[in-house]
Protein backbone atom coordinates (compact mmCIF):
# COMPACT_ATOMS: atom_id res chain seq x y z
CA MET A 1 0.00 0.00 0.00
CA LYS A 2 1.14 3.52 -0.70
CA THR A 3 1.47 6.13 2.06
CA GLY A 4 -1.02 8.69 0.70
CA ARG A 5 -4.11 7.65 2.68
CA LEU A 6 -2.08 7.23 5.87
CA GLU A 7 -0.64 10.72 5.52
CA ALA A 8 -3.99 12.32 4.69
CA PHE A 9 -5.74 10.62 7.60
CA SER A 10 -2.96 11.58 10.02
CA ASP A 11 -2.96 15.20 8.82
CA GLY A 12 -6.72 15.38 9.35
CA VAL A 13 -6.53 13.94 12.85
CA LEU A 14 -3.72 16.33 13.83
CA ALA A 15 -5.73 19.28 12.51
CA ILE A 16 -8.71 18.20 14.62
CA ILE A 17 -6.50 17.78 17.72
CA ILE A 18 -5.14 21.31 17.32
CA THR A 19 -8.67 22.66 16.82
CA ILE A 20 -9.94 20.92 19.96
CA MET A 21 -6.96 22.21 21.90
CA VAL A 22 -7.52 25.84 20.91
CA LEU A 23 -11.24 25.56 21.68
CA GLY A 24 -10.23 24.62 25.23
CA MET A 25 -8.96 28.16 25.74
CA SER A 26 -11.63 30.60 26.85
CA ALA A 27 -11.40 34.35 26.65
CA PRO A 28 -11.45 36.13 30.02
CA GLU A 29 -14.47 38.07 31.25
CA GLY A 30 -12.64 41.38 31.60
CA TYR A 31 -11.37 43.70 28.89
CA THR A 32 -8.05 44.77 30.45
CA PHE A 33 -4.66 43.16 30.02
CA GLU A 34 -4.84 42.33 33.72
CA ALA A 35 -7.73 39.99 32.92
CA LEU A 36 -5.37 37.93 30.75
CA LYS A 37 -3.07 37.07 33.68
CA PRO A 38 -5.11 34.12 34.99
CA ILE A 39 -5.18 32.44 31.57
CA LEU A 40 -1.44 32.89 30.92
CA PRO A 41 -0.60 29.32 32.10
CA VAL A 42 -3.33 27.98 29.79
CA PHE A 43 -1.85 29.89 26.86
CA LEU A 44 1.73 28.82 27.64
CA THR A 45 0.66 25.18 27.89
CA TYR A 46 -1.25 25.50 24.61
CA LEU A 47 1.83 27.04 22.98
CA LEU A 48 4.07 24.17 24.15
CA SER A 49 1.52 21.57 23.01
CA PHE A 50 1.07 23.30 19.64
CA VAL A 51 4.84 23.19 19.12
CA TYR A 52 4.87 19.50 20.08
CA LEU A 53 2.08 18.68 17.64
CA GLY A 54 3.96 20.61 14.96
CA ILE A 55 7.09 18.60 15.74
CA TYR A 56 5.19 15.32 15.45
CA TRP A 57 3.53 16.40 12.22
CA ASN A 58 6.86 17.49 10.75
CA ASN A 59 8.78 14.37 11.78
CA HIS A 60 5.87 12.11 10.75
CA HIS A 61 5.90 13.78 7.33
CA HIS A 62 9.68 13.34 7.00
CA LEU A 63 9.47 9.70 8.06
CA LEU A 64 6.76 8.88 5.52
CA GLN A 65 8.64 10.65 2.72
CA ALA A 66 11.33 7.97 3.08
CA VAL A 67 8.81 5.12 3.13
CA ASN A 68 8.00 3.26 -0.09
CA LYS A 69 4.99 1.30 1.17
CA VAL A 70 3.00 0.65 4.33
CA ASN A 71 1.50 -2.51 5.77
CA GLY A 72 -1.05 -3.32 8.47
CA LYS A 73 1.51 -3.08 11.28
CA ILE A 74 2.48 0.43 10.23
CA LEU A 75 -1.20 1.42 10.03
CA TRP A 76 -1.78 0.18 13.60
CA ALA A 77 1.43 1.80 14.82
CA ASN A 78 0.25 5.06 13.28
CA LEU A 79 -3.13 4.75 15.02
CA ASN A 80 -1.29 4.13 18.30
CA LEU A 81 0.66 7.36 17.76
CA LEU A 82 -2.51 9.29 16.91
CA PHE A 83 -4.21 7.94 20.04
CA TRP A 84 -1.52 9.37 22.31
CA LEU A 85 -1.45 12.64 20.37
CA SER A 86 -5.25 12.86 20.74
CA LEU A 87 -4.74 13.08 24.52
CA PHE A 88 -2.81 16.33 24.15
CA PRO A 89 -5.94 18.53 24.46
CA PHE A 90 -6.91 16.87 27.76
CA ALA A 91 -3.39 16.98 29.22
CA THR A 92 -2.86 20.54 27.97
CA ASP A 93 -6.14 21.77 29.42
CA TRP A 94 -5.63 20.11 32.80
CA MET A 95 -2.07 21.32 33.26
CA GLY A 96 -2.80 24.87 32.08
CA LYS A 97 -5.93 25.32 34.19
CA ASN A 98 -4.16 24.01 37.29
CA HIS A 99 -1.14 26.28 36.85
CA PHE A 100 1.47 23.53 36.42
CA GLU A 101 0.68 21.59 39.62
CA ASP A 102 2.43 18.26 40.14
CA ASN A 103 -0.23 15.71 39.07
CA PRO A 104 -1.31 17.50 35.85
CA THR A 105 2.36 18.09 34.96
CA ALA A 106 3.09 14.39 35.51
CA ILE A 107 0.14 13.37 33.29
CA TYR A 108 1.29 15.82 30.61
CA GLY A 109 4.76 14.26 30.73
CA ALA A 110 3.30 10.74 30.64
CA VAL A 111 1.36 11.62 27.48
CA LEU A 112 4.55 13.06 25.95
CA PHE A 113 6.44 9.90 26.94
CA MET A 114 3.83 7.56 25.47
CA ALA A 115 3.62 9.58 22.23
CA ALA A 116 7.40 9.27 21.91
CA VAL A 117 7.21 5.52 22.56
CA ALA A 118 4.47 5.27 19.91
CA PHE A 119 6.63 7.16 17.39
CA LYS A 120 9.54 4.83 18.16
CA ILE A 121 7.27 1.81 17.60
CA MET A 122 6.14 3.27 14.28
CA VAL A 123 9.74 3.82 13.20
CA TYR A 124 10.52 0.22 14.19
CA CYS A 125 7.57 -1.07 12.10
CA VAL A 126 8.70 1.03 9.15
CA ILE A 127 12.25 -0.35 9.41
CA MET A 128 10.94 -3.92 9.61
CA ASN A 129 8.86 -3.28 6.48
CA GLU A 130 11.49 -1.37 4.49
CA GLY A 131 14.50 -3.40 5.66
CA LYS A 132 17.41 -2.58 7.94
CA ASP A 133 19.56 -1.69 4.94
CA SER A 134 17.02 0.82 3.60
CA HIS A 135 17.60 4.55 3.89
CA ILE A 136 15.24 4.78 6.84
CA GLY A 137 16.82 1.73 8.45
CA ARG A 138 20.27 3.29 8.31
CA VAL A 139 19.02 6.65 9.59
CA TYR A 140 17.26 5.20 12.63
CA SER A 141 19.54 2.21 13.31
CA SER A 142 20.80 3.81 16.51
CA ASP A 143 18.90 6.99 17.22
CA LYS A 144 20.42 8.53 20.32
CA ARG A 145 18.14 11.58 20.19
CA MET A 146 15.01 9.42 20.38
CA ASN A 147 16.38 7.38 23.29
CA LEU A 148 17.53 10.52 25.12
CA SER A 149 14.05 12.01 24.66
CA LEU A 150 12.42 8.96 26.25
CA PHE A 151 14.80 9.17 29.20
CA LEU A 152 14.15 12.90 29.66
CA TYR A 153 10.36 12.47 29.47
CA PHE A 154 10.51 9.72 32.08
CA ALA A 155 12.74 11.86 34.31
CA GLY A 156 10.34 14.79 33.82
CA VAL A 157 7.38 12.70 34.98
CA VAL A 158 9.22 11.59 38.14
CA ILE A 159 10.56 15.08 38.89
CA SER A 160 7.13 16.67 38.38
CA PHE A 161 5.98 15.27 41.75
CA PHE A 162 8.68 17.31 43.49
CA PHE A 163 9.54 20.23 41.18
CA PRO A 164 6.96 20.68 38.40
CA VAL A 165 8.76 23.73 36.99
CA ILE A 166 11.90 21.67 36.35
CA SER A 167 9.75 19.12 34.52
CA LEU A 168 8.39 21.87 32.29
CA ILE A 169 11.95 22.95 31.50
CA ILE A 170 12.80 19.32 30.61
CA TYR A 171 9.76 19.09 28.31
CA LEU A 172 10.78 22.36 26.66
CA VAL A 173 14.38 21.12 26.16
CA VAL A 174 13.11 17.96 24.43
CA ALA A 175 10.88 20.08 22.18
CA ILE A 176 13.88 22.22 21.21
CA MET A 177 15.83 19.02 20.43
CA TRP A 178 13.17 17.99 17.89
CA VAL A 179 12.18 21.32 16.30
CA VAL A 180 14.45 20.58 13.36
CA PRO A 181 13.53 17.23 11.76
CA ASP A 182 16.27 14.69 11.30
CA PRO A 183 18.37 16.00 8.37
CA ARG A 184 19.59 12.46 7.67
CA ILE A 185 16.18 11.61 6.21
CA GLU A 186 16.32 14.49 3.73
CA LYS A 187 19.88 13.53 2.77
CA ALA A 188 18.82 9.91 2.25
CA ILE A 189 15.87 10.96 0.03
CA LYS A 190 18.06 13.38 -1.95
CA LYS A 191 20.71 10.70 -2.45
CA GLU A 192 18.08 8.21 -3.65
CA ASN A 193 16.62 10.76 -6.09
CA GLN A 194 20.08 11.47 -7.52
CA GLN A 195 20.69 7.76 -8.05
CA ASN A 196 17.39 7.36 -9.97
């Protein structure tokens, strides 16, 4: 199977997730800038989650550009990823409305962790389908950035019960690590196009 339907479906789901997330933000009752202060944590959480969803969309797109075909395992792995991403609006809303308290920050980190695990599973399924010697197989054969991200998310969840602000900093650091998609994928695609 080609990747077109998978990409279109995923893009649609991500667009709906972002829409639901922004609808979770309510305008304040007052008309002064002072009235915006109470919703600042909600906005900052939304901003972080929006960046994360953008990162997933971007890296998902890059991954699928290097994929020749998909199978049932990849489809299920993709649904697993979309499930965890669909929890972003809930985790975002709860953490923002509770001003970064420990439990909501831990749940937010757990959702980030599980989404990262789901992406790693999807990459694994793609490699098994494409072959370890494929471009994507060579790019992700030992991905230190992905493993470091999982470790940091897990650490962030544990730390959130003691110092939620430090957890937020950890989540932000991981986001910064992933803002630029893996350039090795683009190089692999460019190299393949030059060979054809």
